[in-house]
Amino acid sequence: MTHLIPEVTAAQAAAHARIYQAVSAPAAAIHETFVNTLSTGSGSYAVTETANAAATG
């Protein structure tokens, strides 16, 4: 009976690791897309601000 607890704990840890691996790859892809979107948006914002500043003089 005493060997059962470590086996159950190991099985739970392995299951957790599989779930983490399954979730972490798509999460990383979503994060990369989000960062790229923010970068593009900030560039557009800077261009617009510069144009507005030049127009108002």
PDB file of N, CA and C in Angstrom:
ATOM      1  N   MET A   1       0.815  -1.203   0.000  1.00  0.00           N
ATOM      2  CA  MET A   1       0.000   0.000   0.000  1.00  0.00           C
ATOM      3  C   MET A   1       0.855   1.262   0.000  1.00  0.00           C
ATOM      4  N   THR A   2       2.016   1.226   0.639  1.00  0.00           N
ATOM      5  CA  THR A   2       2.839   2.436   0.711  1.00  0.00           C
ATOM      6  C   THR A   2       3.432   2.812  -0.640  1.00  0.00           C
ATOM      7  N   HIS A   3       3.560   1.849  -1.544  1.00  0.00           N
ATOM      8  CA  HIS A   3       4.087   2.152  -2.872  1.00  0.00           C
ATOM      9  C   HIS A   3       3.020   2.747  -3.785  1.00  0.00           C
ATOM     10  N   LEU A   4       1.785   2.611  -3.403  1.00  0.00           N
ATOM     11  CA  LEU A   4       0.691   3.094  -4.237  1.00  0.00           C
ATOM     12  C   LEU A   4       0.664   4.622  -4.313  1.00  0.00           C
ATOM     13  N   ILE A   5       0.927   5.290  -3.206  1.00  0.00           N
ATOM     14  CA  ILE A   5       0.861   6.753  -3.174  1.00  0.00           C
ATOM     15  C   ILE A   5       1.888   7.381  -4.122  1.00  0.00           C
ATOM     16  N   PRO A   6       3.161   6.972  -4.082  1.00  0.00           N
ATOM     17  CA  PRO A   6       4.100   7.556  -5.049  1.00  0.00           C
ATOM     18  C   PRO A   6       3.723   7.249  -6.501  1.00  0.00           C
ATOM     19  N   GLU A   7       3.162   6.087  -6.757  1.00  0.00           N
ATOM     20  CA  GLU A   7       2.747   5.748  -8.118  1.00  0.00           C
ATOM     21  C   GLU A   7       1.608   6.650  -8.582  1.00  0.00           C
ATOM     22  N   VAL A   8       0.662   6.891  -7.691  1.00  0.00           N
ATOM     23  CA  VAL A   8      -0.457   7.777  -8.027  1.00  0.00           C
ATOM     24  C   VAL A   8       0.058   9.197  -8.240  1.00  0.00           C
ATOM     25  N   THR A   9       0.944   9.647  -7.367  1.00  0.00           N
ATOM     26  CA  THR A   9       1.516  10.982  -7.499  1.00  0.00           C
ATOM     27  C   THR A   9       2.279  11.119  -8.810  1.00  0.00           C
ATOM     28  N   ALA A  10       3.053  10.125  -9.165  1.00  0.00           N
ATOM     29  CA  ALA A  10       3.799  10.147 -10.423  1.00  0.00           C
ATOM     30  C   ALA A  10       2.849  10.161 -11.615  1.00  0.00           C
ATOM     31  N   ALA A  11       1.786   9.403 -11.541  1.00  0.00           N
ATOM     32  CA  ALA A  11       0.806   9.378 -12.631  1.00  0.00           C
ATOM     33  C   ALA A  11       0.127  10.737 -12.778  1.00  0.00           C
ATOM     34  N   GLN A  12      -0.191  11.365 -11.645  1.00  0.00           N
ATOM     35  CA  GLN A  12      -0.808  12.691 -11.697  1.00  0.00           C
ATOM     36  C   GLN A  12       0.160  13.726 -12.269  1.00  0.00           C
ATOM     37  N   ALA A  13       1.422  13.641 -11.880  1.00  0.00           N
ATOM     38  CA  ALA A  13       2.422  14.571 -12.403  1.00  0.00           C
ATOM     39  C   ALA A  13       2.604  14.373 -13.905  1.00  0.00           C
ATOM     40  N   ALA A  14       2.620  13.140 -14.346  1.00  0.00           N
ATOM     41  CA  ALA A  14       2.764  12.855 -15.775  1.00  0.00           C
ATOM     42  C   ALA A  14       1.565  13.383 -16.556  1.00  0.00           C
ATOM     43  N   ALA A  15       0.369  13.208 -16.002  1.00  0.00           N
ATOM     44  CA  ALA A  15      -0.836  13.719 -16.660  1.00  0.00           C
ATOM     45  C   ALA A  15      -0.792  15.244 -16.740  1.00  0.00           C
ATOM     46  N   HIS A  16      -0.357  15.868 -15.658  1.00  0.00           N
ATOM     47  CA  HIS A  16      -0.232  17.328 -15.640  1.00  0.00           C
ATOM     48  C   HIS A  16       0.771  17.787 -16.699  1.00  0.00           C
ATOM     49  N   ALA A  17       1.873  17.101 -16.815  1.00  0.00           N
ATOM     50  CA  ALA A  17       2.893  17.457 -17.809  1.00  0.00           C
ATOM     51  C   ALA A  17       2.348  17.335 -19.230  1.00  0.00           C
ATOM     52  N   ARG A  18       1.581  16.289 -19.491  1.00  0.00           N
ATOM     53  CA  ARG A  18       1.002  16.116 -20.833  1.00  0.00           C
ATOM     54  C   ARG A  18       0.023  17.246 -21.150  1.00  0.00           C
ATOM     55  N   ILE A  19      -0.786  17.599 -20.178  1.00  0.00           N
ATOM     56  CA  ILE A  19      -1.747  18.687 -20.384  1.00  0.00           C
ATOM     57  C   ILE A  19      -1.009  20.000 -20.609  1.00  0.00           C
ATOM     58  N   TYR A  20       0.017  20.246 -19.808  1.00  0.00           N
ATOM     59  CA  TYR A  20       0.797  21.478 -19.956  1.00  0.00           C
ATOM     60  C   TYR A  20       1.418  21.563 -21.349  1.00  0.00           C
ATOM     61  N   GLN A  21       1.993  20.480 -21.806  1.00  0.00           N
ATOM     62  CA  GLN A  21       2.610  20.471 -23.131  1.00  0.00           C
ATOM     63  C   GLN A  21       1.573  20.706 -24.224  1.00  0.00           C
ATOM     64  N   ALA A  22       0.398  20.143 -24.056  1.00  0.00           N
ATOM     65  CA  ALA A  22      -0.658  20.312 -25.053  1.00  0.00           C
ATOM     66  C   ALA A  22      -1.160  21.757 -25.101  1.00  0.00           C
ATOM     67  N   VAL A  23      -1.150  22.435 -23.963  1.00  0.00           N
ATOM     68  CA  VAL A  23      -1.676  23.792 -23.887  1.00  0.00           C
ATOM     69  C   VAL A  23      -0.599  24.838 -24.169  1.00  0.00           C
ATOM     70  N   SER A  24       0.629  24.572 -23.794  1.00  0.00           N
ATOM     71  CA  SER A  24       1.663  25.603 -23.877  1.00  0.00           C
ATOM     72  C   SER A  24       2.041  25.970 -25.312  1.00  0.00           C
ATOM     73  N   ALA A  25       2.046  25.035 -26.224  1.00  0.00           N
ATOM     74  CA  ALA A  25       2.416  25.356 -27.611  1.00  0.00           C
ATOM     75  C   ALA A  25       1.405  26.313 -28.254  1.00  0.00           C
ATOM     76  N   PRO A  26       0.101  26.024 -28.189  1.00  0.00           N
ATOM     77  CA  PRO A  26      -0.855  26.990 -28.748  1.00  0.00           C
ATOM     78  C   PRO A  26      -0.829  28.330 -28.008  1.00  0.00           C
ATOM     79  N   ALA A  27      -0.606  28.300 -26.704  1.00  0.00           N
ATOM     80  CA  ALA A  27      -0.539  29.552 -25.945  1.00  0.00           C
ATOM     81  C   ALA A  27       0.642  30.396 -26.400  1.00  0.00           C
ATOM     82  N   ALA A  28       1.766  29.771 -26.667  1.00  0.00           N
ATOM     83  CA  ALA A  28       2.938  30.500 -27.158  1.00  0.00           C
ATOM     84  C   ALA A  28       2.658  31.110 -28.528  1.00  0.00           C
ATOM     85  N   ALA A  29       1.956  30.387 -29.373  1.00  0.00           N
ATOM     86  CA  ALA A  29       1.609  30.911 -30.701  1.00  0.00           C
ATOM     87  C   ALA A  29       0.664  32.105 -30.582  1.00  0.00           C
ATOM     88  N   ILE A  30      -0.303  32.014 -29.689  1.00  0.00           N
ATOM     89  CA  ILE A  30      -1.234  33.126 -29.469  1.00  0.00           C
ATOM     90  C   ILE A  30      -0.475  34.337 -28.934  1.00  0.00           C
ATOM     91  N   HIS A  31       0.434  34.106 -28.010  1.00  0.00           N
ATOM     92  CA  HIS A  31       1.233  35.198 -27.450  1.00  0.00           C
ATOM     93  C   HIS A  31       2.059  35.881 -28.535  1.00  0.00           C
ATOM     94  N   GLU A  32       2.678  35.097 -29.397  1.00  0.00           N
ATOM     95  CA  GLU A  32       3.486  35.665 -30.477  1.00  0.00           C
ATOM     96  C   GLU A  32       2.625  36.510 -31.413  1.00  0.00           C
ATOM     97  N   THR A  33       1.441  36.025 -31.746  1.00  0.00           N
ATOM     98  CA  THR A  33       0.522  36.786 -32.594  1.00  0.00           C
ATOM     99  C   THR A  33       0.117  38.092 -31.916  1.00  0.00           C
ATOM    100  N   PHE A  34      -0.162  38.025 -30.625  1.00  0.00           N
ATOM    101  CA  PHE A  34      -0.549  39.206 -29.854  1.00  0.00           C
ATOM    102  C   PHE A  34       0.573  40.246 -29.848  1.00  0.00           C
ATOM    103  N   VAL A  35       1.794  39.799 -29.593  1.00  0.00           N
ATOM    104  CA  VAL A  35       2.939  40.713 -29.572  1.00  0.00           C
ATOM    105  C   VAL A  35       3.153  41.338 -30.945  1.00  0.00           C
ATOM    106  N   ASN A  36       3.050  40.547 -31.997  1.00  0.00           N
ATOM    107  CA  ASN A  36       3.206  41.085 -33.351  1.00  0.00           C
ATOM    108  C   ASN A  36       2.127  42.114 -33.674  1.00  0.00           C
ATOM    109  N   THR A  37       0.905  41.839 -33.239  1.00  0.00           N
ATOM    110  CA  THR A  37      -0.194  42.779 -33.463  1.00  0.00           C
ATOM    111  C   THR A  37       0.055  44.090 -32.729  1.00  0.00           C
ATOM    112  N   LEU A  38       0.507  44.005 -31.484  1.00  0.00           N
ATOM    113  CA  LEU A  38       0.812  45.222 -30.733  1.00  0.00           C
ATOM    114  C   LEU A  38       1.951  46.003 -31.376  1.00  0.00           C
ATOM    115  N   SER A  39       2.950  45.305 -31.852  1.00  0.00           N
ATOM    116  CA  SER A  39       4.087  45.973 -32.498  1.00  0.00           C
ATOM    117  C   SER A  39       3.641  46.711 -33.756  1.00  0.00           C
ATOM    118  N   THR A  40       2.827  46.060 -34.557  1.00  0.00           N
ATOM    119  CA  THR A  40       2.313  46.685 -35.773  1.00  0.00           C
ATOM    120  C   THR A  40       1.451  47.896 -35.429  1.00  0.00           C
ATOM    121  N   GLY A  41       0.601  47.725 -34.440  1.00  0.00           N
ATOM    122  CA  GLY A  41      -0.275  48.818 -34.020  1.00  0.00           C
ATOM    123  C   GLY A  41       0.500  50.007 -33.490  1.00  0.00           C
ATOM    124  N   SER A  42       1.549  49.745 -32.732  1.00  0.00           N
ATOM    125  CA  SER A  42       2.327  50.857 -32.182  1.00  0.00           C
ATOM    126  C   SER A  42       3.058  51.606 -33.290  1.00  0.00           C
ATOM    127  N   GLY A  43       3.514  50.874 -34.304  1.00  0.00           N
ATOM    128  CA  GLY A  43       4.158  51.531 -35.442  1.00  0.00           C
ATOM    129  C   GLY A  43       3.186  52.419 -36.192  1.00  0.00           C
ATOM    130  N   SER A  44       1.981  51.933 -36.405  1.00  0.00           N
ATOM    131  CA  SER A  44       0.952  52.723 -37.088  1.00  0.00           C
ATOM    132  C   SER A  44       0.589  53.956 -36.270  1.00  0.00           C
ATOM    133  N   TYR A  45       0.498  53.787 -34.965  1.00  0.00           N
ATOM    134  CA  TYR A  45       0.172  54.902 -34.079  1.00  0.00           C
ATOM    135  C   TYR A  45       1.255  55.972 -34.157  1.00  0.00           C
ATOM    136  N   ALA A  46       2.514  55.559 -34.144  1.00  0.00           N
ATOM    137  CA  ALA A  46       3.619  56.517 -34.203  1.00  0.00           C
ATOM    138  C   ALA A  46       3.608  57.296 -35.516  1.00  0.00           C
ATOM    139  N   VAL A  47       3.347  56.612 -36.616  1.00  0.00           N
ATOM    140  CA  VAL A  47       3.279  57.283 -37.923  1.00  0.00           C
ATOM    141  C   VAL A  47       2.141  58.299 -37.931  1.00  0.00           C
ATOM    142  N   THR A  48       0.990  57.919 -37.401  1.00  0.00           N
ATOM    143  CA  THR A  48      -0.164  58.821 -37.359  1.00  0.00           C
ATOM    144  C   THR A  48       0.121  60.031 -36.481  1.00  0.00           C
ATOM    145  N   GLU A  49       0.722  59.817 -35.336  1.00  0.00           N
ATOM    146  CA  GLU A  49       1.057  60.930 -34.441  1.00  0.00           C
ATOM    147  C   GLU A  49       2.035  61.895 -35.111  1.00  0.00           C
ATOM    148  N   THR A  50       3.015  61.351 -35.813  1.00  0.00           N
ATOM    149  CA  THR A  50       3.982  62.194 -36.519  1.00  0.00           C
ATOM    150  C   THR A  50       3.290  63.008 -37.607  1.00  0.00           C
ATOM    151  N   ALA A  51       2.409  62.368 -38.355  1.00  0.00           N
ATOM    152  CA  ALA A  51       1.672  63.072 -39.410  1.00  0.00           C
ATOM    153  C   ALA A  51       0.782  64.158 -38.820  1.00  0.00           C
ATOM    154  N   ASN A  52       0.118  63.863 -37.719  1.00  0.00           N
ATOM    155  CA  ASN A  52      -0.743  64.861 -37.075  1.00  0.00           C
ATOM    156  C   ASN A  52       0.076  66.033 -36.543  1.00  0.00           C
ATOM    157  N   ALA A  53       1.216  65.741 -35.964  1.00  0.00           N
ATOM    158  CA  ALA A  53       2.070  66.809 -35.444  1.00  0.00           C
ATOM    159  C   ALA A  53       2.566  67.697 -36.580  1.00  0.00           C
ATOM    160  N   ALA A  54       2.919  67.089 -37.700  1.00  0.00           N
ATOM    161  CA  ALA A  54       3.387  67.866 -38.851  1.00  0.00           C
ATOM    162  C   ALA A  54       2.253  68.708 -39.437  1.00  0.00           C
ATOM    163  N   ALA A  55       1.051  68.168 -39.445  1.00  0.00           N
ATOM    164  CA  ALA A  55      -0.091  68.875 -40.030  1.00  0.00           C
ATOM    165  C   ALA A  55      -0.525  70.064 -39.173  1.00  0.00           C
ATOM    166  N   THR A  56      -0.371  69.942 -37.866  1.00  0.00           N
ATOM    167  CA  THR A  56      -0.824  71.014 -36.980  1.00  0.00           C
ATOM    168  C   THR A  56       0.288  71.998 -36.660  1.00  0.00           C
ATOM    169  N   GLY A  57       1.489  71.656 -37.036  1.00  0.00           N
ATOM    170  CA  GLY A  57       2.601  72.476 -37.045  1.00  0.00           C
ATOM    171  C   GLY A  57       3.309  73.100 -35.993  1.00  0.00           C
TER     172      GLY A  57
END
